[in-house]
Amino acid sequence: MLVSSFRKITVSNLIFAGCLSAATLCVNPQGSGGCMKSIGAAVNAAKSGDTVAVAAGTYSESVTIGKPLSLIGADPAKTIIEATGLPNGINVDGLNNSNLAGVFISGFTVQNAKFEGIVVTNASAVTISGNIVTGNNKGLTFGAQGPSCPGAPSWETAEDFDCGEAVHFSGVDHSSVINNTIQGNAGGILLTDETGATHDNLVTGNIVTNNPSDCGITLASHPPAPGASSTDSYGVYSNFIVANQSTQNGLKGEGAGVGLFAPSPGTKTYSNLVVNNTLTGNNLPGIAVHGHAPNQVLDGHVFIGNTISGNGPDTDDAATPGTAGIMFFSVSPVVGTVIAQNTFSNQDIAVTWSAPGEGKVLRNSLGGKAGVYNLGPGTVSAEDNWWGCGTDPTSNIAFLAGCSVIRGMVTATTWLTTAPK
């Protein structure tokens, strides 16, 4: 099922990227040669399916897109959307343009916006590819009551900590964030659900580094926007976080390599796949899953094949007794969590579990003296892992040899006798 959905996403994006070329409008800083001087003016003049080709230069504007089109810069290092003092660099606005689908954006540096560098709301089949997104979230302030984001749109219901981050999807499905460089923002890539369910999206090949206040990649269910017909969260689910590099995030705040959160009652972040990512040197664990109140849904996540090293401890009510590779914390019962074939190193604890329900920790290469640590009322099945030596992780031999061992209610009746290749 996961493979089928993944193929569907990638094929749909290629179709839209290849077909939206009915006419080409050009933009350059001089407005010469029959081209427009403003990206926004060209976007407004374009018809559905057109391409807007932007020459190298600096464009001081905020670009709003409300129709299917391709927006392509000449060179991401030299084609700059300078959004100083403006809310966003690029706004793909499906909130005010119903059924928006088929937008392709590539080849830009998007920088210095007050809130998001690139924000996409209530849209399908949107591709954000090959951009540099840097220095955004300038509106984030820190006061006596903690971080806040004055002036942010009212639909953003729970984002005072991050001002929407560099790239933000809300109410978005079957869309992609591919091969972007995202650095120096308050936070990196954010998937939320204030305006609608966010599902079946692909985040892959991105380098997300040195975003100081928050996570590199965040999947967070939030309360619905004001005026929503339902008081229940729409959900953030069935998204694919694949082969990204997320490192050195949250070092001045609280940021994991990948964070999956359901922060308030009724919020739902579930059935997401995090696979083959490199998650290193972040302030919180490499992967942090948090549910802090009753009546939340955090079921069915799969974390597989990730390289996780040198991340920090978790904090507050999810605090870990040392640095942690993966932390799963939930007040509500959870089912269906699988942590498999990951490689951990330079962590005090590889996997920390604190939730009612069972977690499965299978065929990992575990680093740290405590390979698997259960702090909560649930159970952990930790079969067929490499514990650093080919012996029973509950034995004195393993402990004395300095191998990874078990703490708390963890079962491990079988184990690997050689390190996985």
Foldseek 3Di string as FASTA:
>chain_A
DLVVLLVLLVVLLVVLVPQLDPDEAEEECVCPPVHGNAPQVVLVPDDASHEYEYEFDEHADAHEHQHAHEYAYPAQVGREHHDAPAAENYEDDCVPRPAHERYEYEHHEQEHHCAEHYEYEQYESYEAEHHEFAHYNVQWDQDPVGIARPPQDQLPPPQSQFRQAHYEYENYASYEYAQYEYEHGLEAYEYEYQAAEYASYEYENYEFEHNAAEEHAEYEYDAHGPPDPDRATREYEHYEAEHYEFAHYNNNHAYANYEYEYEDARTEYEQYEHAAYETAHAADANYEYDADDPRYAYEAYEYAHYEGEHYWFDDDPQTDPWHENYGHAHAYAYDNAEAEAYEYEHTQEHYEYAHAEEHEAEAYAAYHQADYEYPYDHAYEHEAYHFPAQDAQDDPVCNVVSTHHHHDHYDYPHYDHDRDD
